[in-house]
Amino acid sequence: MAKSGTTFAKRQKEMAQQERARDKEARRVERKDTKEKRTLGPDGEDPDIAGIVPGPQPIPDED
């Protein structure tokens, strides 16, 4: 005769896994929405990298 506790434990484990998958999908959708809503600068440039010039950077003035 099989132990009834093992079936219950397996079901609990499966339910926890499904809950984590739902949470992960919700975060994925939220990230996608946030990314789509992000605004670009006035000239269509990403504000995080606006004004960055490729290549060697000038040495900052020392105060």
C-alpha atoms as a PDB file:
ATOM      1  CA  MET A   1       0.000   0.000   0.000  1.00  0.00           C
ATOM      2  CA  ALA A   2       1.373   3.423  -0.971  1.00  0.00           C
ATOM      3  CA  LYS A   3       1.826   6.229   1.481  1.00  0.00           C
ATOM      4  CA  SER A   4      -0.799   8.896   1.039  1.00  0.00           C
ATOM      5  CA  GLY A   5       1.591  11.641   2.235  1.00  0.00           C
ATOM      6  CA  THR A   6       3.830  11.329  -0.809  1.00  0.00           C
ATOM      7  CA  THR A   7       0.972  12.122  -3.201  1.00  0.00           C
ATOM      8  CA  PHE A   8      -0.039  15.150  -1.141  1.00  0.00           C
ATOM      9  CA  ALA A   9       3.548  16.396  -0.991  1.00  0.00           C
ATOM     10  CA  LYS A  10       3.927  15.970  -4.740  1.00  0.00           C
ATOM     11  CA  ARG A  11       0.714  17.916  -5.359  1.00  0.00           C
ATOM     12  CA  GLN A  12       1.883  20.717  -3.063  1.00  0.00           C
ATOM     13  CA  LYS A  13       5.214  20.846  -4.924  1.00  0.00           C
ATOM     14  CA  GLU A  14       3.422  21.025  -8.292  1.00  0.00           C
ATOM     15  CA  MET A  15       1.143  23.813  -7.060  1.00  0.00           C
ATOM     16  CA  ALA A  16       4.140  25.810  -5.807  1.00  0.00           C
ATOM     17  CA  GLN A  17       5.849  25.355  -9.167  1.00  0.00           C
ATOM     18  CA  GLN A  18       2.727  26.587 -11.001  1.00  0.00           C
ATOM     19  CA  GLU A  19       2.520  29.630  -8.709  1.00  0.00           C
ATOM     20  CA  ARG A  20       6.169  30.503  -9.406  1.00  0.00           C
ATOM     21  CA  ALA A  21       5.508  30.164 -13.152  1.00  0.00           C
ATOM     22  CA  ARG A  22       2.505  32.532 -12.893  1.00  0.00           C
ATOM     23  CA  ASP A  23       4.573  35.055 -10.935  1.00  0.00           C
ATOM     24  CA  LYS A  24       7.376  34.841 -13.469  1.00  0.00           C
ATOM     25  CA  GLU A  25       4.979  35.383 -16.375  1.00  0.00           C
ATOM     26  CA  ALA A  26       3.422  38.379 -14.616  1.00  0.00           C
ATOM     27  CA  ARG A  27       6.867  39.932 -14.108  1.00  0.00           C
ATOM     28  CA  ARG A  28       7.709  39.259 -17.759  1.00  0.00           C
ATOM     29  CA  VAL A  29       4.536  41.040 -18.930  1.00  0.00           C
ATOM     30  CA  GLU A  30       5.160  43.952 -16.552  1.00  0.00           C
ATOM     31  CA  ARG A  31       8.742  44.335 -17.827  1.00  0.00           C
ATOM     32  CA  LYS A  32       7.494  44.313 -21.422  1.00  0.00           C
ATOM     33  CA  ASP A  33       4.888  47.011 -20.661  1.00  0.00           C
ATOM     34  CA  THR A  34       7.472  49.149 -18.871  1.00  0.00           C
ATOM     35  CA  LYS A  35       9.886  48.823 -21.762  1.00  0.00           C
ATOM     36  CA  GLU A  36       7.209  49.875 -24.275  1.00  0.00           C
ATOM     37  CA  LYS A  37       6.206  52.888 -22.162  1.00  0.00           C
ATOM     38  CA  ARG A  38       9.773  54.164 -21.809  1.00  0.00           C
ATOM     39  CA  THR A  39      10.071  57.550 -23.446  1.00  0.00           C
ATOM     40  CA  LEU A  40      12.847  58.560 -25.757  1.00  0.00           C
ATOM     41  CA  GLY A  41      14.497  61.937 -25.777  1.00  0.00           C
ATOM     42  CA  PRO A  42      13.387  64.782 -28.065  1.00  0.00           C
ATOM     43  CA  ASP A  43      15.583  63.570 -30.925  1.00  0.00           C
ATOM     44  CA  GLY A  44      14.677  59.880 -30.470  1.00  0.00           C
ATOM     45  CA  GLU A  45      17.789  59.152 -28.417  1.00  0.00           C
ATOM     46  CA  ASP A  46      17.758  57.025 -25.289  1.00  0.00           C
ATOM     47  CA  PRO A  47      18.056  59.425 -22.311  1.00  0.00           C
ATOM     48  CA  ASP A  48      20.310  56.986 -20.438  1.00  0.00           C
ATOM     49  CA  ILE A  49      23.039  57.320 -23.070  1.00  0.00           C
ATOM     50  CA  ALA A  50      22.378  60.852 -24.307  1.00  0.00           C
ATOM     51  CA  GLY A  51      25.535  62.869 -24.758  1.00  0.00           C
ATOM     52  CA  ILE A  52      27.945  59.951 -24.546  1.00  0.00           C
ATOM     53  CA  VAL A  53      30.668  60.160 -27.162  1.00  0.00           C
ATOM     54  CA  PRO A  54      32.385  56.950 -28.283  1.00  0.00           C
ATOM     55  CA  GLY A  55      36.108  56.755 -27.879  1.00  0.00           C
ATOM     56  CA  PRO A  56      38.474  58.192 -25.298  1.00  0.00           C
ATOM     57  CA  GLN A  57      36.758  60.445 -22.782  1.00  0.00           C
ATOM     58  CA  PRO A  58      38.185  63.813 -21.741  1.00  0.00           C
ATOM     59  CA  ILE A  59      39.896  64.003 -18.349  1.00  0.00           C
ATOM     60  CA  PRO A  60      37.575  65.730 -15.876  1.00  0.00           C
ATOM     61  CA  ASP A  61      38.757  69.032 -14.430  1.00  0.00           C
ATOM     62  CA  GLU A  62      40.128  68.753 -10.917  1.00  0.00           C
ATOM     63  CA  ASP A  63      38.759  71.186  -8.369  1.00  0.00           C
END
